[in-house]
C-alpha atoms as a PDB file:
ATOM      1  CA  THR A   1      31.484 -34.206 -37.742  1.00  0.00           C
ATOM      2  CA  TYR A   2      31.270 -34.250 -41.391  1.00  0.00           C
ATOM      3  CA  THR A   3      28.848 -37.232 -42.559  1.00  0.00           C
ATOM      4  CA  VAL A   4      27.922 -38.523 -45.995  1.00  0.00           C
ATOM      5  CA  HIS A   5      25.425 -41.372 -46.420  1.00  0.00           C
ATOM      6  CA  LEU A   6      25.135 -43.318 -49.545  1.00  0.00           C
ATOM      7  CA  ALA A   7      21.952 -45.537 -50.261  1.00  0.00           C
ATOM      8  CA  PRO A   8      22.726 -49.349 -50.528  1.00  0.00           C
ATOM      9  CA  SER A   9      22.251 -49.182 -54.360  1.00  0.00           C
ATOM     10  CA  THR A  10      24.529 -46.237 -54.832  1.00  0.00           C
ATOM     11  CA  ARG A  11      28.127 -46.544 -55.538  1.00  0.00           C
ATOM     12  CA  GLY A  12      30.421 -43.522 -54.633  1.00  0.00           C
ATOM     13  CA  ARG A  13      33.461 -42.194 -52.930  1.00  0.00           C
ATOM     14  CA  ILE A  14      34.774 -39.128 -51.268  1.00  0.00           C
ATOM     15  CA  GLY A  15      37.105 -36.974 -53.664  1.00  0.00           C
ATOM     16  CA  ARG A  16      38.622 -33.431 -52.870  1.00  0.00           C
ATOM     17  CA  CYS A  17      37.322 -31.410 -49.869  1.00  0.00           C
ATOM     18  CA  TRP A  18      38.135 -27.946 -48.936  1.00  0.00           C
ATOM     19  CA  ALA A  19      37.054 -25.188 -46.537  1.00  0.00           C
ATOM     20  CA  SER A  20      36.619 -21.519 -47.575  1.00  0.00           C
ATOM     21  CA  ASP A  21      35.992 -18.336 -46.013  1.00  0.00           C
ATOM     22  CA  GLY A  22      35.512 -16.457 -49.357  1.00  0.00           C
ATOM     23  CA  LYS A  23      38.986 -15.055 -49.310  1.00  0.00           C
ATOM     24  CA  SER A  24      41.149 -18.172 -48.968  1.00  0.00           C
ATOM     25  CA  GLU A  25      40.786 -21.901 -48.990  1.00  0.00           C
ATOM     26  CA  LEU A  26      42.164 -24.589 -46.840  1.00  0.00           C
ATOM     27  CA  GLU A  27      42.585 -28.088 -48.527  1.00  0.00           C
ATOM     28  CA  LEU A  28      41.343 -30.962 -46.400  1.00  0.00           C
ATOM     29  CA  SER A  29      41.463 -34.010 -48.825  1.00  0.00           C
ATOM     30  CA  ASP A  30      42.902 -34.779 -52.185  1.00  0.00           C
ATOM     31  CA  ASN A  31      40.910 -35.950 -55.366  1.00  0.00           C
ATOM     32  CA  ASP A  32      40.945 -39.495 -53.827  1.00  0.00           C
ATOM     33  CA  GLY A  33      39.574 -38.544 -50.303  1.00  0.00           C
ATOM     34  CA  CYS A  34      42.937 -38.840 -48.712  1.00  0.00           C
ATOM     35  CA  SER A  35      43.627 -36.377 -45.974  1.00  0.00           C
ATOM     36  CA  VAL A  36      46.171 -33.750 -46.650  1.00  0.00           C
ATOM     37  CA  GLN A  37      46.390 -32.514 -43.048  1.00  0.00           C
ATOM     38  CA  ARG A  38      48.782 -33.889 -40.824  1.00  0.00           C
ATOM     39  CA  SER A  39      47.672 -35.930 -37.674  1.00  0.00           C
ATOM     40  CA  GLY A  40      46.246 -33.512 -34.957  1.00  0.00           C
ATOM     41  CA  GLU A  41      45.371 -30.653 -37.592  1.00  0.00           C
ATOM     42  CA  VAL A  42      42.083 -29.786 -38.904  1.00  0.00           C
ATOM     43  CA  TRP A  43      40.935 -32.914 -40.856  1.00  0.00           C
ATOM     44  CA  GLY A  44      41.850 -36.692 -40.486  1.00  0.00           C
ATOM     45  CA  ASP A  45      41.103 -39.617 -42.710  1.00  0.00           C
ATOM     46  CA  PHE A  46      37.546 -40.885 -43.406  1.00  0.00           C
ATOM     47  CA  GLU A  47      35.947 -43.631 -41.387  1.00  0.00           C
ATOM     48  CA  VAL A  48      33.922 -45.715 -43.628  1.00  0.00           C
ATOM     49  CA  SER A  49      31.138 -48.143 -42.464  1.00  0.00           C
ATOM     50  CA  ARG A  50      28.970 -50.290 -44.633  1.00  0.00           C
ATOM     51  CA  ASP A  51      25.876 -52.065 -43.722  1.00  0.00           C
ATOM     52  CA  GLN A  52      22.515 -53.201 -44.895  1.00  0.00           C
ATOM     53  CA  ARG A  53      21.485 -49.540 -44.829  1.00  0.00           C
ATOM     54  CA  GLY A  54      24.204 -48.414 -47.161  1.00  0.00           C
ATOM     55  CA  THR A  55      27.660 -46.780 -46.836  1.00  0.00           C
ATOM     56  CA  THR A  56      28.600 -43.991 -44.300  1.00  0.00           C
ATOM     57  CA  PHE A  57      31.720 -41.723 -44.546  1.00  0.00           C
ATOM     58  CA  LEU A  58      32.687 -39.943 -41.363  1.00  0.00           C
ATOM     59  CA  ASN A  59      35.360 -37.417 -40.687  1.00  0.00           C
ATOM     60  CA  HIS A  60      35.778 -35.451 -37.533  1.00  0.00           C
ATOM     61  CA  ILE A  61      36.592 -31.617 -37.976  1.00  0.00           C
ATOM     62  CA  LYS A  62      38.650 -29.712 -35.424  1.00  0.00           C
ATOM     63  CA  ALA A  63      37.801 -26.132 -34.913  1.00  0.00           C
ATOM     64  CA  TRP A  64      40.119 -23.561 -36.502  1.00  0.00           C
ATOM     65  CA  ALA A  65      40.026 -20.071 -37.737  1.00  0.00           C
ATOM     66  CA  PHE A  66      40.978 -18.823 -41.104  1.00  0.00           C
ATOM     67  CA  PRO A  67      44.129 -16.365 -40.987  1.00  0.00           C
ATOM     68  CA  THR A  68      42.448 -13.661 -43.177  1.00  0.00           C
END
């Protein structure tokens, strides 16, 4: 699980995410944090929860191997 936690006084958002093995890259989300992976692949949409402790973004990553 990929987790980002922001303090209550911090404003933020998730932007472009990618994975790299040093030889190739796999796009996971676009500049707005929206998944570019189809359902059932490596990366889904972020789950966002907000409470008095801040904002938490979660994304569940499925295992995969780079083709290189």
